[in-house]
N, C-alpha and C. Protein backbone atom coordinates (compact mmCIF):
# COMPACT_ATOMS: atom_id res chain seq x y z
N MET A 1 24.74 -28.08 -39.50
CA MET A 1 24.16 -27.09 -40.37
C MET A 1 25.05 -26.91 -41.59
N GLU A 2 24.43 -26.90 -42.76
CA GLU A 2 25.20 -26.75 -44.00
C GLU A 2 25.70 -25.34 -44.18
N LYS A 3 26.83 -25.22 -44.87
CA LYS A 3 27.33 -23.90 -45.22
C LYS A 3 26.58 -23.38 -46.44
N ILE A 4 26.37 -22.09 -46.48
CA ILE A 4 25.70 -21.47 -47.62
C ILE A 4 26.75 -21.24 -48.69
N LYS A 5 26.55 -21.86 -49.87
CA LYS A 5 27.57 -21.82 -50.92
C LYS A 5 27.51 -20.54 -51.75
N ASN A 6 26.31 -20.04 -52.01
CA ASN A 6 26.20 -18.81 -52.78
C ASN A 6 24.97 -18.05 -52.35
N ILE A 7 24.75 -16.91 -52.96
CA ILE A 7 23.64 -16.05 -52.57
C ILE A 7 22.30 -16.68 -52.88
N GLY A 8 22.23 -17.51 -53.91
CA GLY A 8 20.99 -18.20 -54.25
C GLY A 8 20.54 -19.13 -53.14
N ASP A 9 21.50 -19.83 -52.54
CA ASP A 9 21.17 -20.71 -51.41
C ASP A 9 20.67 -19.91 -50.22
N PHE A 10 21.22 -18.74 -50.04
CA PHE A 10 20.81 -17.87 -48.94
C PHE A 10 19.32 -17.52 -49.07
N PHE A 11 18.90 -17.13 -50.29
CA PHE A 11 17.50 -16.77 -50.49
C PHE A 11 16.59 -17.99 -50.46
N LYS A 12 17.08 -19.14 -50.93
CA LYS A 12 16.29 -20.37 -50.87
C LYS A 12 15.97 -20.74 -49.42
N MET A 13 16.92 -20.49 -48.53
CA MET A 13 16.72 -20.78 -47.12
C MET A 13 15.54 -19.97 -46.58
N TYR A 14 15.46 -18.69 -46.91
CA TYR A 14 14.36 -17.86 -46.45
C TYR A 14 13.04 -18.24 -47.10
N VAL A 15 13.07 -18.58 -48.39
CA VAL A 15 11.84 -18.98 -49.08
C VAL A 15 11.28 -20.25 -48.44
N GLU A 16 12.14 -21.21 -48.18
CA GLU A 16 11.69 -22.45 -47.52
C GLU A 16 11.13 -22.15 -46.13
N GLY A 17 11.76 -21.26 -45.42
CA GLY A 17 11.28 -20.91 -44.09
C GLY A 17 9.90 -20.28 -44.13
N PHE A 18 9.67 -19.39 -45.10
CA PHE A 18 8.36 -18.75 -45.19
C PHE A 18 7.30 -19.71 -45.69
N LYS A 19 7.67 -20.68 -46.48
CA LYS A 19 6.69 -21.68 -46.94
C LYS A 19 6.19 -22.53 -45.79
N ASN A 20 7.02 -22.74 -44.79
CA ASN A 20 6.66 -23.61 -43.68
C ASN A 20 5.95 -22.88 -42.54
N LEU A 21 5.67 -21.58 -42.70
CA LEU A 21 4.98 -20.84 -41.66
C LEU A 21 3.51 -21.23 -41.59
N SER A 22 2.94 -21.03 -40.42
CA SER A 22 1.50 -21.27 -40.28
C SER A 22 0.73 -20.14 -40.96
N LYS A 23 -0.58 -20.34 -41.13
CA LYS A 23 -1.41 -19.34 -41.80
C LYS A 23 -1.40 -18.02 -41.02
N THR A 24 -1.46 -18.09 -39.72
CA THR A 24 -1.44 -16.89 -38.89
C THR A 24 -0.13 -16.12 -39.06
N SER A 25 0.98 -16.83 -39.10
CA SER A 25 2.28 -16.19 -39.27
C SER A 25 2.39 -15.51 -40.63
N LYS A 26 1.86 -16.15 -41.67
CA LYS A 26 1.89 -15.54 -43.00
C LYS A 26 1.07 -14.27 -43.04
N ILE A 27 -0.09 -14.27 -42.36
CA ILE A 27 -0.93 -13.06 -42.31
C ILE A 27 -0.21 -11.95 -41.57
N LEU A 28 0.44 -12.28 -40.46
CA LEU A 28 1.18 -11.26 -39.70
C LEU A 28 2.33 -10.68 -40.50
N TRP A 29 3.07 -11.52 -41.22
CA TRP A 29 4.16 -11.02 -42.06
C TRP A 29 3.64 -10.14 -43.19
N THR A 30 2.48 -10.49 -43.74
CA THR A 30 1.87 -9.66 -44.78
C THR A 30 1.51 -8.29 -44.23
N ILE A 31 0.95 -8.25 -43.03
CA ILE A 31 0.61 -6.98 -42.40
C ILE A 31 1.87 -6.15 -42.16
N ILE A 32 2.93 -6.78 -41.69
CA ILE A 32 4.19 -6.06 -41.44
C ILE A 32 4.74 -5.48 -42.73
N ILE A 33 4.74 -6.24 -43.80
CA ILE A 33 5.28 -5.77 -45.08
C ILE A 33 4.45 -4.61 -45.63
N VAL A 34 3.13 -4.71 -45.52
CA VAL A 34 2.26 -3.61 -45.99
C VAL A 34 2.50 -2.35 -45.17
N LYS A 35 2.61 -2.49 -43.85
CA LYS A 35 2.86 -1.32 -43.00
C LYS A 35 4.20 -0.68 -43.33
N LEU A 36 5.23 -1.47 -43.55
CA LEU A 36 6.55 -0.92 -43.91
C LEU A 36 6.49 -0.19 -45.24
N PHE A 37 5.77 -0.77 -46.20
CA PHE A 37 5.63 -0.12 -47.50
C PHE A 37 4.94 1.23 -47.33
N ILE A 38 3.88 1.28 -46.54
CA ILE A 38 3.17 2.54 -46.33
C ILE A 38 4.07 3.55 -45.64
N MET A 39 4.82 3.11 -44.64
CA MET A 39 5.68 4.02 -43.91
C MET A 39 6.78 4.61 -44.78
N PHE A 40 7.44 3.78 -45.58
CA PHE A 40 8.61 4.25 -46.30
C PHE A 40 8.32 4.78 -47.69
N ALA A 41 7.33 4.25 -48.37
CA ALA A 41 7.07 4.68 -49.74
C ALA A 41 6.02 5.78 -49.80
N VAL A 42 4.90 5.54 -49.19
CA VAL A 42 3.79 6.49 -49.31
C VAL A 42 4.01 7.72 -48.44
N MET A 43 4.30 7.52 -47.18
CA MET A 43 4.44 8.67 -46.28
C MET A 43 5.64 9.53 -46.63
N ARG A 44 6.70 8.93 -47.13
CA ARG A 44 7.89 9.70 -47.50
C ARG A 44 7.58 10.70 -48.59
N ALA A 45 6.75 10.31 -49.53
CA ALA A 45 6.41 11.21 -50.63
C ALA A 45 5.64 12.44 -50.16
N PHE A 46 4.82 12.28 -49.12
CA PHE A 46 3.99 13.39 -48.65
C PHE A 46 4.61 14.18 -47.51
N LEU A 47 5.34 13.53 -46.65
CA LEU A 47 5.85 14.21 -45.46
C LEU A 47 7.27 14.75 -45.58
N PHE A 48 8.04 14.24 -46.52
CA PHE A 48 9.42 14.66 -46.65
C PHE A 48 9.70 15.17 -48.06
N PRO A 49 9.27 16.37 -48.37
CA PRO A 49 9.55 16.90 -49.72
C PRO A 49 11.04 17.15 -49.89
N ASN A 50 11.48 17.21 -51.12
CA ASN A 50 12.89 17.43 -51.40
C ASN A 50 13.22 18.91 -51.22
N PHE A 51 13.63 19.25 -50.02
CA PHE A 51 13.86 20.64 -49.63
C PHE A 51 14.97 21.29 -50.44
N LEU A 52 16.08 20.61 -50.61
CA LEU A 52 17.23 21.21 -51.28
C LEU A 52 16.94 21.52 -52.75
N ASN A 53 16.24 20.63 -53.44
CA ASN A 53 15.93 20.89 -54.85
C ASN A 53 14.97 22.04 -55.03
N SER A 54 14.12 22.29 -54.04
CA SER A 54 13.17 23.40 -54.18
C SER A 54 13.81 24.75 -53.85
N LYS A 55 14.89 24.76 -53.08
CA LYS A 55 15.51 26.01 -52.66
C LYS A 55 16.74 26.41 -53.49
N PHE A 56 17.48 25.41 -53.99
CA PHE A 56 18.75 25.70 -54.65
C PHE A 56 18.79 25.08 -56.03
N ASP A 57 19.56 25.71 -56.93
CA ASP A 57 19.65 25.24 -58.30
C ASP A 57 20.87 24.37 -58.56
N THR A 58 22.00 24.72 -57.98
CA THR A 58 23.23 24.00 -58.29
C THR A 58 23.67 23.13 -57.11
N GLU A 59 24.52 22.17 -57.41
CA GLU A 59 25.06 21.27 -56.38
C GLU A 59 25.92 22.04 -55.39
N GLU A 60 26.63 23.04 -55.87
CA GLU A 60 27.50 23.82 -54.98
C GLU A 60 26.68 24.57 -53.93
N GLU A 61 25.56 25.16 -54.34
CA GLU A 61 24.70 25.86 -53.39
C GLU A 61 24.13 24.90 -52.36
N LYS A 62 23.74 23.72 -52.81
CA LYS A 62 23.21 22.72 -51.89
C LYS A 62 24.27 22.30 -50.88
N ALA A 63 25.47 22.03 -51.36
CA ALA A 63 26.56 21.60 -50.48
C ALA A 63 26.91 22.69 -49.48
N GLU A 64 26.95 23.93 -49.94
CA GLU A 64 27.27 25.04 -49.07
C GLU A 64 26.22 25.19 -47.96
N TYR A 65 24.96 25.07 -48.31
CA TYR A 65 23.88 25.17 -47.33
C TYR A 65 23.98 24.06 -46.29
N VAL A 66 24.23 22.84 -46.74
CA VAL A 66 24.33 21.72 -45.80
C VAL A 66 25.51 21.90 -44.86
N ILE A 67 26.65 22.34 -45.37
CA ILE A 67 27.83 22.56 -44.53
C ILE A 67 27.54 23.64 -43.49
N GLU A 68 26.87 24.72 -43.91
CA GLU A 68 26.52 25.79 -42.97
C GLU A 68 25.60 25.27 -41.87
N GLN A 69 24.61 24.46 -42.23
CA GLN A 69 23.67 23.96 -41.24
C GLN A 69 24.34 22.99 -40.27
N ILE A 70 25.25 22.19 -40.76
CA ILE A 70 25.93 21.23 -39.89
C ILE A 70 26.88 21.93 -38.92
N THR A 71 27.61 22.90 -39.42
CA THR A 71 28.62 23.57 -38.57
C THR A 71 28.02 24.61 -37.63
N ASN A 72 26.85 25.14 -37.94
CA ASN A 72 26.23 26.14 -37.06
C ASN A 72 25.55 25.52 -35.86
N ASN A 73 25.17 24.27 -35.94
CA ASN A 73 24.44 23.63 -34.84
C ASN A 73 25.31 22.86 -33.93
């Protein structure tokens, strides 16, 4: 097995691997990528609002709140 000389070779290895996949494998990988995008990009925007920015104005207030929550539990 050849050694990977730089980061470009690393990505070329994966590109070649995906080119050689069967049609079924490519469809499954597409489904996985779409599901991950939905989970991390779309759902995050709706289910995890930025709590600290809505409650506090300054960085010090945010830090103080987080420290209190961590040490109280």
